[in-house]
Amino acid sequence: MKFMKPPALALVAAAGIASHAWAAEPDSVLGTWRTPTKHGVVQIERCGTSICGRLVESDNIRKNPDLRDLNNKDEGKRGRRLKGLPILSGFNRDGGKWSGGTVYNPEDGGTYKGTITPVTTSTLKLKGCIVWPLCKTQTWTRIN
């Protein structure tokens, strides 16, 4: 009996199904992630039925662990420490992604509507929008 190699298309389809199955897991975004700017590290965890994330460290926090939220548009919040600051909140499960939440950017003090989409076991896409289509997307890489 001669064994035949499966067609390349079938392998690609199988990989797509496996990737989609992983992305559909509700806890697939939980963990520690590296951001592409200033070597930021964000811990994403469950907050009730939602998920949230806090800033664990960045280049600036390593230089000054007592760094404050000086760019916040709300003057009353400018005394908060950046280390441990909640930057993701209110995200709810929406099929294979998390949406309806907000992303706080301490670099400009702005809060944006956001979507988190798992791409692979080691990457996710975070999209923040002022209003659609004025959006910015980053790819975050899993640390653990």
N, C-alpha and C. Protein backbone atom coordinates (compact mmCIF):
# COMPACT_ATOMS: atom_id res chain seq x y z
N MET A 1 0.84 -1.18 0.00
CA MET A 1 0.00 0.00 0.00
C MET A 1 0.89 1.24 0.00
N LYS A 2 0.60 2.15 -0.88
CA LYS A 2 1.39 3.38 -1.02
C LYS A 2 0.70 4.51 -0.26
N PHE A 3 1.48 5.22 0.57
CA PHE A 3 0.92 6.34 1.32
C PHE A 3 1.08 7.61 0.50
N MET A 4 0.05 8.39 0.48
CA MET A 4 0.08 9.64 -0.27
C MET A 4 0.18 10.82 0.69
N LYS A 5 0.89 11.81 0.29
CA LYS A 5 0.98 13.03 1.09
C LYS A 5 -0.33 13.79 0.97
N PRO A 6 -0.84 14.35 2.08
CA PRO A 6 -2.06 15.14 1.97
C PRO A 6 -1.80 16.42 1.19
N PRO A 7 -2.78 16.88 0.46
CA PRO A 7 -2.59 18.12 -0.30
C PRO A 7 -2.26 19.27 0.63
N ALA A 8 -1.45 20.19 0.15
CA ALA A 8 -1.04 21.35 0.94
C ALA A 8 -2.24 22.14 1.42
N LEU A 9 -3.27 22.25 0.60
CA LEU A 9 -4.46 23.00 0.97
C LEU A 9 -5.12 22.40 2.21
N ALA A 10 -5.15 21.08 2.30
CA ALA A 10 -5.75 20.42 3.46
C ALA A 10 -4.95 20.74 4.72
N LEU A 11 -3.62 20.79 4.61
CA LEU A 11 -2.80 21.12 5.77
C LEU A 11 -3.04 22.57 6.21
N VAL A 12 -3.14 23.46 5.27
CA VAL A 12 -3.42 24.86 5.60
C VAL A 12 -4.78 24.98 6.27
N ALA A 13 -5.78 24.28 5.75
CA ALA A 13 -7.12 24.32 6.34
C ALA A 13 -7.09 23.75 7.75
N ALA A 14 -6.38 22.66 7.96
CA ALA A 14 -6.29 22.06 9.29
C ALA A 14 -5.60 23.01 10.27
N ALA A 15 -4.55 23.69 9.82
CA ALA A 15 -3.86 24.65 10.67
C ALA A 15 -4.79 25.80 11.03
N GLY A 16 -5.58 26.25 10.06
CA GLY A 16 -6.53 27.34 10.32
C GLY A 16 -7.58 26.93 11.33
N ILE A 17 -8.07 25.70 11.25
CA ILE A 17 -9.06 25.21 12.21
C ILE A 17 -8.45 25.12 13.59
N ALA A 18 -7.21 24.61 13.67
CA ALA A 18 -6.54 24.49 14.97
C ALA A 18 -6.32 25.87 15.57
N SER A 19 -5.89 26.84 14.76
CA SER A 19 -5.66 28.19 15.24
C SER A 19 -6.97 28.82 15.70
N HIS A 20 -8.04 28.63 14.93
CA HIS A 20 -9.34 29.17 15.30
C HIS A 20 -9.86 28.54 16.59
N ALA A 21 -9.64 27.24 16.74
CA ALA A 21 -10.09 26.56 17.96
C ALA A 21 -9.38 27.13 19.17
N TRP A 22 -8.06 27.41 19.03
CA TRP A 22 -7.34 27.99 20.15
C TRP A 22 -7.86 29.38 20.45
N ALA A 23 -8.06 30.19 19.42
CA ALA A 23 -8.50 31.57 19.62
C ALA A 23 -9.87 31.63 20.28
N ALA A 24 -10.67 30.59 20.12
CA ALA A 24 -12.01 30.59 20.69
C ALA A 24 -12.01 30.30 22.19
N GLU A 25 -10.88 29.87 22.74
CA GLU A 25 -10.82 29.59 24.17
C GLU A 25 -10.97 30.89 24.96
N PRO A 26 -11.90 30.93 25.91
CA PRO A 26 -12.14 32.17 26.65
C PRO A 26 -10.93 32.69 27.41
N ASP A 27 -10.07 31.82 27.91
CA ASP A 27 -8.94 32.27 28.71
C ASP A 27 -7.65 32.43 27.90
N SER A 28 -7.73 32.38 26.58
CA SER A 28 -6.53 32.42 25.75
C SER A 28 -5.76 33.74 25.85
N VAL A 29 -6.38 34.81 26.29
CA VAL A 29 -5.68 36.09 26.41
C VAL A 29 -5.12 36.33 27.81
N LEU A 30 -5.43 35.44 28.75
CA LEU A 30 -4.93 35.61 30.10
C LEU A 30 -3.43 35.34 30.14
N GLY A 31 -2.71 36.12 30.92
CA GLY A 31 -1.27 35.93 31.05
C GLY A 31 -0.52 37.25 31.02
N THR A 32 0.77 37.15 30.80
CA THR A 32 1.65 38.31 30.78
C THR A 32 2.12 38.55 29.35
N TRP A 33 2.00 39.81 28.90
CA TRP A 33 2.24 40.16 27.50
C TRP A 33 3.22 41.32 27.39
N ARG A 34 4.09 41.28 26.37
CA ARG A 34 5.02 42.37 26.07
C ARG A 34 4.40 43.23 24.98
N THR A 35 4.40 44.55 25.21
CA THR A 35 3.89 45.49 24.22
C THR A 35 5.05 45.91 23.32
N PRO A 36 4.76 46.42 22.12
CA PRO A 36 5.85 46.82 21.22
C PRO A 36 6.45 48.18 21.55
N THR A 37 5.85 48.94 22.45
CA THR A 37 6.39 50.26 22.78
C THR A 37 6.98 50.27 24.18
N LYS A 38 8.18 50.75 24.27
CA LYS A 38 8.91 50.93 25.54
C LYS A 38 9.00 49.65 26.37
N HIS A 39 9.00 48.50 25.70
CA HIS A 39 9.13 47.20 26.38
C HIS A 39 8.14 47.06 27.53
N GLY A 40 6.93 47.52 27.31
CA GLY A 40 5.90 47.42 28.33
C GLY A 40 5.52 45.97 28.60
N VAL A 41 5.12 45.71 29.83
CA VAL A 41 4.65 44.39 30.23
C VAL A 41 3.28 44.58 30.88
N VAL A 42 2.27 43.86 30.36
CA VAL A 42 0.91 43.97 30.85
C VAL A 42 0.42 42.59 31.29
N GLN A 43 -0.14 42.54 32.49
CA GLN A 43 -0.73 41.31 33.03
C GLN A 43 -2.24 41.36 32.76
N ILE A 44 -2.76 40.39 31.98
CA ILE A 44 -4.19 40.32 31.71
C ILE A 44 -4.78 39.20 32.55
N GLU A 45 -5.86 39.51 33.27
CA GLU A 45 -6.50 38.53 34.15
C GLU A 45 -8.00 38.71 34.13
N ARG A 46 -8.68 37.77 34.73
CA ARG A 46 -10.14 37.84 34.84
C ARG A 46 -10.53 38.88 35.88
N CYS A 47 -11.59 39.60 35.58
CA CYS A 47 -12.20 40.54 36.52
C CYS A 47 -13.69 40.23 36.47
N GLY A 48 -14.13 39.26 37.25
CA GLY A 48 -15.51 38.79 37.17
C GLY A 48 -15.70 38.07 35.84
N THR A 49 -16.72 38.45 35.08
CA THR A 49 -16.94 37.83 33.76
C THR A 49 -16.16 38.54 32.67
N SER A 50 -15.51 39.62 33.01
CA SER A 50 -14.73 40.42 32.07
C SER A 50 -13.26 40.07 32.21
N ILE A 51 -12.43 40.73 31.41
CA ILE A 51 -10.98 40.67 31.61
C ILE A 51 -10.48 42.09 31.78
N CYS A 52 -9.34 42.21 32.45
CA CYS A 52 -8.72 43.51 32.64
C CYS A 52 -7.22 43.32 32.62
N GLY A 53 -6.49 44.42 32.51
CA GLY A 53 -5.04 44.33 32.47
C GLY A 53 -4.40 45.49 33.18
N ARG A 54 -3.25 45.21 33.78
CA ARG A 54 -2.52 46.26 34.49
C ARG A 54 -1.08 46.31 33.99
N LEU A 55 -0.53 47.50 34.01
CA LEU A 55 0.85 47.73 33.57
C LEU A 55 1.80 47.24 34.66
N VAL A 56 2.63 46.27 34.33
CA VAL A 56 3.56 45.69 35.30
C VAL A 56 4.90 46.41 35.26
N GLU A 57 5.41 46.66 34.04
CA GLU A 57 6.66 47.39 33.92
C GLU A 57 6.83 47.92 32.50
N SER A 58 7.83 48.80 32.35
CA SER A 58 8.18 49.38 31.06
C SER A 58 9.59 49.96 31.22
N ASP A 59 10.16 50.42 30.12
CA ASP A 59 11.48 51.05 30.21
C ASP A 59 11.47 52.18 31.22
N ASN A 60 10.44 53.03 31.15
CA ASN A 60 10.36 54.19 32.05
C ASN A 60 10.16 53.77 33.50
N ILE A 61 9.37 52.73 33.75
CA ILE A 61 9.16 52.27 35.13
C ILE A 61 10.44 51.64 35.68
N ARG A 62 11.22 50.97 34.82
CA ARG A 62 12.49 50.41 35.28
C ARG A 62 13.45 51.54 35.70
N LYS A 63 13.42 52.64 34.97
CA LYS A 63 14.27 53.79 35.31
C LYS A 63 13.79 54.46 36.59
N ASN A 64 12.46 54.54 36.76
CA ASN A 64 11.88 55.22 37.93
C ASN A 64 10.64 54.45 38.39
N PRO A 65 10.80 53.50 39.33
CA PRO A 65 9.67 52.69 39.80
C PRO A 65 8.53 53.52 40.42
N ASP A 66 8.81 54.76 40.79
CA ASP A 66 7.79 55.61 41.41
C ASP A 66 7.14 56.54 40.38
N LEU A 67 7.35 56.27 39.09
CA LEU A 67 6.81 57.11 38.01
C LEU A 67 5.29 57.26 38.15
N ARG A 68 4.80 58.48 37.94
CA ARG A 68 3.38 58.79 38.11
C ARG A 68 2.67 59.00 36.77
N ASP A 69 1.35 58.97 36.84
CA ASP A 69 0.47 59.10 35.67
C ASP A 69 0.28 60.57 35.29
N LEU A 70 1.39 61.23 34.98
CA LEU A 70 1.41 62.68 34.80
C LEU A 70 0.64 63.18 33.58
N ASN A 71 0.42 62.33 32.58
CA ASN A 71 -0.26 62.76 31.36
C ASN A 71 -1.76 62.54 31.39
N ASN A 72 -2.29 62.03 32.51
CA ASN A 72 -3.72 61.75 32.60
C ASN A 72 -4.52 63.04 32.38
N LYS A 73 -5.56 62.94 31.58
CA LYS A 73 -6.39 64.12 31.29
C LYS A 73 -7.17 64.57 32.54
N ASP A 74 -7.37 63.65 33.49
CA ASP A 74 -8.03 63.96 34.76
C ASP A 74 -6.95 64.33 35.78
N GLU A 75 -6.86 65.60 36.11
CA GLU A 75 -5.81 66.07 37.03
C GLU A 75 -5.81 65.32 38.35
N GLY A 76 -6.96 64.87 38.81
CA GLY A 76 -7.06 64.15 40.08
C GLY A 76 -6.40 62.78 40.05
N LYS A 77 -6.10 62.26 38.85
CA LYS A 77 -5.48 60.94 38.73
C LYS A 77 -3.98 61.01 38.42
N ARG A 78 -3.44 62.19 38.32
CA ARG A 78 -2.03 62.33 37.93
C ARG A 78 -1.05 61.88 39.00
N GLY A 79 -1.50 61.67 40.21
CA GLY A 79 -0.62 61.19 41.28
C GLY A 79 -0.52 59.67 41.35
N ARG A 80 -1.28 58.96 40.52
CA ARG A 80 -1.25 57.50 40.56
C ARG A 80 0.08 56.97 40.03
N ARG A 81 0.57 55.91 40.66
CA ARG A 81 1.79 55.25 40.17
C ARG A 81 1.46 54.48 38.90
N LEU A 82 2.36 54.52 37.91
CA LEU A 82 2.16 53.76 36.67
C LEU A 82 2.33 52.26 36.91
N LYS A 83 3.26 51.88 37.78
CA LYS A 83 3.47 50.46 38.07
C LYS A 83 2.21 49.90 38.74
N GLY A 84 1.58 48.93 38.07
CA GLY A 84 0.36 48.32 38.58
C GLY A 84 -0.92 49.02 38.14
N LEU A 85 -0.79 50.06 37.33
CA LEU A 85 -1.95 50.84 36.89
C LEU A 85 -2.85 50.03 35.96
N PRO A 86 -4.16 50.01 36.22
CA PRO A 86 -5.08 49.35 35.29
C PRO A 86 -5.11 50.11 33.96
N ILE A 87 -4.83 49.40 32.85
CA ILE A 87 -4.87 50.05 31.53
C ILE A 87 -5.87 49.39 30.59
N LEU A 88 -6.36 48.19 30.94
CA LEU A 88 -7.39 47.50 30.16
C LEU A 88 -8.55 47.22 31.10
N SER A 89 -9.78 47.54 30.68
CA SER A 89 -10.92 47.24 31.56
C SER A 89 -12.19 47.07 30.74
N GLY A 90 -13.12 46.30 31.31
CA GLY A 90 -14.46 46.18 30.74
C GLY A 90 -14.59 45.33 29.49
N PHE A 91 -13.60 44.49 29.18
CA PHE A 91 -13.67 43.66 27.98
C PHE A 91 -14.55 42.44 28.21
N ASN A 92 -15.46 42.19 27.29
CA ASN A 92 -16.36 41.04 27.38
C ASN A 92 -16.19 40.15 26.17
N ARG A 93 -16.44 38.89 26.38
CA ARG A 93 -16.31 37.86 25.34
C ARG A 93 -17.26 38.17 24.19
N ASP A 94 -16.72 38.11 22.97
CA ASP A 94 -17.51 38.39 21.77
C ASP A 94 -17.02 37.44 20.67
N GLY A 95 -17.48 36.20 20.70
CA GLY A 95 -17.01 35.19 19.75
C GLY A 95 -15.56 34.86 20.03
N GLY A 96 -14.69 35.04 19.04
CA GLY A 96 -13.28 34.72 19.19
C GLY A 96 -12.44 35.89 19.65
N LYS A 97 -13.06 36.95 20.15
CA LYS A 97 -12.30 38.12 20.60
C LYS A 97 -12.94 38.68 21.88
N TRP A 98 -12.33 39.70 22.43
CA TRP A 98 -12.84 40.43 23.58
C TRP A 98 -13.08 41.86 23.12
N SER A 99 -14.27 42.40 23.36
CA SER A 99 -14.58 43.75 22.90
C SER A 99 -15.38 44.51 23.96
N GLY A 100 -15.71 45.75 23.64
CA GLY A 100 -16.52 46.56 24.55
C GLY A 100 -15.75 47.16 25.70
N GLY A 101 -14.43 46.98 25.71
CA GLY A 101 -13.63 47.50 26.81
C GLY A 101 -12.93 48.78 26.44
N THR A 102 -12.11 49.25 27.38
CA THR A 102 -11.34 50.46 27.15
C THR A 102 -9.86 50.19 27.38
N VAL A 103 -9.04 50.97 26.66
CA VAL A 103 -7.59 50.91 26.76
C VAL A 103 -7.12 52.28 27.21
N TYR A 104 -6.39 52.34 28.31
CA TYR A 104 -5.82 53.60 28.77
C TYR A 104 -4.37 53.66 28.33
N ASN A 105 -3.97 54.75 27.70
CA ASN A 105 -2.60 54.94 27.25
C ASN A 105 -1.93 55.99 28.12
N PRO A 106 -1.05 55.57 29.05
CA PRO A 106 -0.42 56.54 29.94
C PRO A 106 0.53 57.50 29.21
N GLU A 107 0.94 57.17 27.99
CA GLU A 107 1.83 58.07 27.25
C GLU A 107 1.13 59.35 26.82
N ASP A 108 -0.18 59.27 26.49
CA ASP A 108 -0.90 60.48 26.10
C ASP A 108 -2.08 60.80 27.03
N GLY A 109 -2.31 59.95 28.02
CA GLY A 109 -3.39 60.18 28.98
C GLY A 109 -4.78 59.93 28.43
N GLY A 110 -4.86 59.31 27.25
CA GLY A 110 -6.15 59.06 26.62
C GLY A 110 -6.70 57.68 26.91
N THR A 111 -8.03 57.57 26.91
CA THR A 111 -8.72 56.30 27.06
C THR A 111 -9.48 56.04 25.77
N TYR A 112 -9.32 54.83 25.23
CA TYR A 112 -9.85 54.49 23.92
C TYR A 112 -10.71 53.24 23.98
N LYS A 113 -11.69 53.15 23.09
CA LYS A 113 -12.48 51.93 22.95
C LYS A 113 -11.56 50.86 22.39
N GLY A 114 -11.68 49.63 22.90
CA GLY A 114 -10.73 48.62 22.47
C GLY A 114 -11.32 47.27 22.14
N THR A 115 -10.50 46.49 21.42
CA THR A 115 -10.79 45.11 21.07
C THR A 115 -9.50 44.32 21.22
N ILE A 116 -9.60 43.13 21.81
CA ILE A 116 -8.45 42.24 21.95
C ILE A 116 -8.77 40.97 21.20
N THR A 117 -7.91 40.61 20.24
CA THR A 117 -8.13 39.42 19.42
C THR A 117 -6.93 38.50 19.51
N PRO A 118 -7.10 37.28 20.05
CA PRO A 118 -6.00 36.32 20.03
C PRO A 118 -5.69 35.93 18.59
N VAL A 119 -4.41 35.88 18.25
CA VAL A 119 -4.00 35.50 16.90
C VAL A 119 -3.41 34.09 16.92
N THR A 120 -2.44 33.87 17.80
CA THR A 120 -1.84 32.56 18.02
C THR A 120 -1.72 32.36 19.53
N THR A 121 -1.12 31.27 19.94
CA THR A 121 -0.93 31.05 21.38
C THR A 121 0.05 32.07 21.96
N SER A 122 0.85 32.71 21.11
CA SER A 122 1.86 33.63 21.63
C SER A 122 1.68 35.08 21.18
N THR A 123 0.61 35.39 20.44
CA THR A 123 0.39 36.78 20.02
C THR A 123 -1.09 37.14 20.10
N LEU A 124 -1.32 38.41 20.34
CA LEU A 124 -2.68 38.95 20.27
C LEU A 124 -2.62 40.32 19.64
N LYS A 125 -3.75 40.74 19.10
CA LYS A 125 -3.86 42.08 18.51
C LYS A 125 -4.73 42.91 19.44
N LEU A 126 -4.22 44.07 19.80
CA LEU A 126 -4.97 45.00 20.62
C LEU A 126 -5.26 46.22 19.75
N LYS A 127 -6.54 46.53 19.59
CA LYS A 127 -6.94 47.69 18.79
C LYS A 127 -7.58 48.71 19.70
N GLY A 128 -7.11 49.95 19.62
CA GLY A 128 -7.71 51.05 20.36
C GLY A 128 -8.19 52.10 19.39
N CYS A 129 -9.41 52.61 19.60
CA CYS A 129 -10.00 53.58 18.67
C CYS A 129 -10.52 54.81 19.40
N ILE A 130 -10.24 55.98 18.85
CA ILE A 130 -10.88 57.21 19.33
C ILE A 130 -12.34 57.10 18.91
N VAL A 131 -12.55 56.99 17.63
CA VAL A 131 -13.83 56.64 17.01
C VAL A 131 -13.44 55.88 15.75
N TRP A 132 -14.23 54.87 15.37
CA TRP A 132 -13.90 54.12 14.18
C TRP A 132 -14.04 55.04 12.98
N PRO A 133 -13.14 55.14 12.08
CA PRO A 133 -11.99 54.29 11.78
C PRO A 133 -10.67 54.83 12.32
N LEU A 134 -10.68 55.76 13.25
CA LEU A 134 -9.45 56.31 13.81
C LEU A 134 -8.92 55.37 14.89
N CYS A 135 -8.23 54.32 14.46
CA CYS A 135 -7.78 53.25 15.34
C CYS A 135 -6.30 52.99 15.17
N LYS A 136 -5.72 52.40 16.19
CA LYS A 136 -4.34 51.95 16.13
C LYS A 136 -4.32 50.51 16.65
N THR A 137 -3.59 49.64 15.96
CA THR A 137 -3.49 48.24 16.37
C THR A 137 -2.06 47.90 16.71
N GLN A 138 -1.87 47.17 17.81
CA GLN A 138 -0.56 46.69 18.22
C GLN A 138 -0.62 45.17 18.32
N THR A 139 0.52 44.54 18.08
CA THR A 139 0.66 43.11 18.32
C THR A 139 1.44 42.93 19.62
N TRP A 140 0.84 42.22 20.56
CA TRP A 140 1.49 41.91 21.82
C TRP A 140 1.96 40.47 21.80
N THR A 141 3.10 40.21 22.46
CA THR A 141 3.71 38.89 22.47
C THR A 141 3.66 38.32 23.90
N ARG A 142 3.25 37.06 23.99
CA ARG A 142 3.13 36.41 25.30
C ARG A 142 4.52 36.24 25.94
N ILE A 143 4.60 36.58 27.22
CA ILE A 143 5.80 36.30 28.03
C ILE A 143 5.56 35.01 28.79
N ASN A 144 4.37 34.87 29.39
CA ASN A 144 3.96 33.61 30.03
C ASN A 144 2.47 33.60 30.25
